[in-house]
Amino acid sequence: MTRGTSAGFGRRFAALVYDSLLIGALLLVYTVLIVLARGGAVTRDNAGIWWYAYCAGEIVVIGAYYVINWVRSGQTLGMRAWRLRAVDASGKPLALAPAALRFLCGFLAWAPAALGVLWLYLDVEHLALHDRLSRTRVVRLSGP
């Protein structure tokens, strides 16, 4: 069981910046594999319906990064650096379904200028929108 205080916006954003660097590298590898398999660049003009499959694959890569890390250890690389952990409402590690729901709801929270994440400053329990919708939370770990 993990106890800790709810993480604020600054730490969450800093972890997201760290994670975006690794995700950028993962998407680069994904794109190279697609280009090699297709025998050329993938653009909206030359790929037709496959362009949408390529874009969906990017979302799958990003989702897999977050969900696998949250289920395995509760932390992405960025969360480790900023001493954060995603847990369920009782403080236990996330199962697959809550982790996947957290990822999907994260789009709602971050997309409109991070308003869903900033909501944590108005919430009684300091939960962001995707925390509340997925019944999870991000806690700040204590210690060195």
Protein backbone atom coordinates (compact mmCIF):
# COMPACT_ATOMS: atom_id res chain seq x y z
CA MET A 1 0.00 0.00 0.00
CA THR A 2 1.36 3.41 -0.91
CA ARG A 3 0.52 6.45 1.15
CA GLY A 4 1.46 9.99 0.29
CA THR A 5 0.07 13.38 -0.40
CA SER A 6 -1.62 14.09 -3.71
CA ALA A 7 0.81 15.44 -6.26
CA GLY A 8 0.44 19.02 -7.43
CA PHE A 9 0.37 20.32 -10.98
CA GLY A 10 4.04 21.29 -11.13
CA ARG A 11 5.36 17.80 -10.37
CA ARG A 12 2.82 16.18 -12.68
CA PHE A 13 3.79 18.52 -15.51
CA ALA A 14 7.51 17.98 -14.92
CA ALA A 15 6.99 14.20 -15.05
CA LEU A 16 5.02 14.64 -18.29
CA VAL A 17 7.91 16.59 -19.83
CA TYR A 18 10.37 13.81 -18.90
CA ASP A 19 8.02 11.18 -20.27
CA SER A 20 7.51 13.11 -23.51
CA LEU A 21 11.22 12.74 -24.30
CA LEU A 22 11.05 8.96 -23.97
CA ILE A 23 7.73 8.79 -25.82
CA GLY A 24 9.27 10.85 -28.64
CA ALA A 25 12.00 8.23 -28.96
CA LEU A 26 9.45 5.38 -28.93
CA LEU A 27 7.41 7.10 -31.63
CA LEU A 28 10.54 7.61 -33.70
CA VAL A 29 11.29 3.86 -33.57
CA TYR A 30 7.64 3.10 -34.39
CA THR A 31 7.73 5.45 -37.38
CA VAL A 32 11.00 4.00 -38.69
CA LEU A 33 9.52 0.50 -38.51
CA ILE A 34 6.40 1.63 -40.39
CA VAL A 35 8.47 3.41 -43.06
CA LEU A 36 10.68 0.33 -43.52
CA ALA A 37 7.67 -2.00 -43.71
CA ARG A 38 5.87 0.27 -46.15
CA GLY A 39 8.92 1.06 -48.26
CA GLY A 40 8.55 4.81 -47.98
CA ALA A 41 7.28 7.74 -45.99
CA VAL A 42 3.77 7.69 -44.59
CA THR A 43 1.86 10.89 -45.25
CA ARG A 44 -1.80 11.70 -45.39
CA ASP A 45 -1.51 12.19 -49.14
CA ASN A 46 0.22 8.94 -50.05
CA ALA A 47 -1.09 6.45 -47.50
CA GLY A 48 -4.87 6.84 -47.72
CA ILE A 49 -6.66 4.87 -45.01
CA TRP A 50 -3.33 3.57 -43.71
CA TRP A 51 -2.57 7.07 -42.46
CA TYR A 52 -5.32 6.69 -39.89
CA ALA A 53 -4.04 3.25 -38.91
CA TYR A 54 -0.58 4.78 -38.45
CA CYS A 55 -2.02 7.54 -36.21
CA ALA A 56 -3.99 5.00 -34.19
CA GLY A 57 -0.77 3.03 -33.77
CA GLU A 58 0.89 6.10 -32.30
CA ILE A 59 -1.85 6.32 -29.68
CA VAL A 60 -1.39 2.62 -28.92
CA VAL A 61 2.36 3.14 -28.42
CA ILE A 62 1.77 6.05 -26.05
CA GLY A 63 -0.98 4.20 -24.19
CA ALA A 64 1.13 1.06 -23.85
CA TYR A 65 3.99 3.10 -22.37
CA TYR A 66 1.78 4.55 -19.64
CA VAL A 67 -0.42 1.53 -18.90
CA ILE A 68 2.43 -0.99 -18.78
CA ASN A 69 4.45 1.24 -16.44
CA TRP A 70 1.50 2.03 -14.17
CA VAL A 71 0.55 -1.64 -13.85
CA ARG A 72 4.12 -2.86 -13.43
CA SER A 73 5.45 -0.33 -10.92
CA GLY A 74 2.96 2.54 -10.66
CA GLN A 75 5.58 4.86 -12.14
CA THR A 76 6.76 6.02 -15.53
CA LEU A 77 10.32 7.25 -15.93
CA GLY A 78 9.21 10.83 -15.37
CA MET A 79 7.23 9.85 -12.30
CA ARG A 80 10.30 8.11 -10.84
CA ALA A 81 12.37 11.24 -11.32
CA TRP A 82 9.79 13.37 -9.52
CA ARG A 83 8.96 10.72 -6.87
CA LEU A 84 5.34 10.19 -7.93
CA ARG A 85 3.30 7.01 -8.08
CA ALA A 86 -0.13 6.22 -9.56
CA VAL A 87 -2.26 4.15 -7.18
CA ASP A 88 -5.91 3.22 -6.81
CA ALA A 89 -8.22 4.94 -4.33
CA SER A 90 -7.07 2.67 -1.50
CA GLY A 91 -3.38 3.23 -2.21
CA LYS A 92 -2.75 -0.11 -3.91
CA PRO A 93 -1.01 -0.64 -7.28
CA LEU A 94 -3.15 -0.17 -10.39
CA ALA A 95 -4.73 -3.08 -12.19
CA LEU A 96 -4.97 -3.12 -15.99
CA ALA A 97 -8.54 -1.74 -16.31
CA PRO A 98 -8.07 1.30 -14.02
CA ALA A 99 -4.71 2.05 -15.66
CA ALA A 100 -6.26 1.96 -19.13
CA LEU A 101 -9.19 4.12 -17.99
CA ARG A 102 -6.75 6.57 -16.41
CA PHE A 103 -4.89 6.87 -19.73
CA LEU A 104 -8.09 7.45 -21.72
CA CYS A 105 -9.39 10.01 -19.24
CA GLY A 106 -5.99 11.70 -19.25
CA PHE A 107 -6.73 12.99 -22.75
CA LEU A 108 -9.79 14.77 -21.36
CA ALA A 109 -7.80 16.25 -18.50
CA TRP A 110 -4.71 17.47 -20.39
CA ALA A 111 -6.19 18.40 -23.78
CA PRO A 112 -8.09 21.62 -23.02
CA ALA A 113 -5.12 23.64 -21.69
CA ALA A 114 -4.65 21.21 -18.77
CA LEU A 115 -7.87 22.44 -17.17
CA GLY A 116 -8.77 18.93 -16.04
CA VAL A 117 -5.45 18.64 -14.23
CA LEU A 118 -5.64 22.13 -12.74
CA TRP A 119 -8.99 21.04 -11.32
CA LEU A 120 -6.99 19.40 -8.51
CA TYR A 121 -6.64 22.82 -6.86
CA LEU A 122 -10.43 23.06 -6.57
CA ASP A 123 -11.04 19.44 -5.59
CA VAL A 124 -11.45 18.66 -1.89
CA GLU A 125 -9.15 15.62 -2.16
CA HIS A 126 -6.77 17.34 -4.62
CA LEU A 127 -7.68 14.95 -7.45
CA ALA A 128 -7.44 15.90 -11.11
CA LEU A 129 -10.29 15.07 -13.50
CA HIS A 130 -8.73 11.82 -14.73
CA ASP A 131 -7.93 10.83 -11.13
CA ARG A 132 -11.57 11.27 -10.21
CA LEU A 133 -12.97 9.54 -13.32
CA SER A 134 -10.67 6.51 -13.07
CA ARG A 135 -10.78 6.28 -9.25
CA THR A 136 -7.01 6.55 -9.09
CA ARG A 137 -4.61 9.15 -7.75
CA VAL A 138 -1.04 10.29 -8.12
CA VAL A 139 0.78 10.55 -4.81
CA ARG A 140 4.04 12.22 -3.96
CA LEU A 141 6.34 9.74 -2.29
CA SER A 142 8.14 10.76 0.86
CA GLY A 143 11.79 10.09 1.62
CA PRO A 144 15.11 11.00 0.03
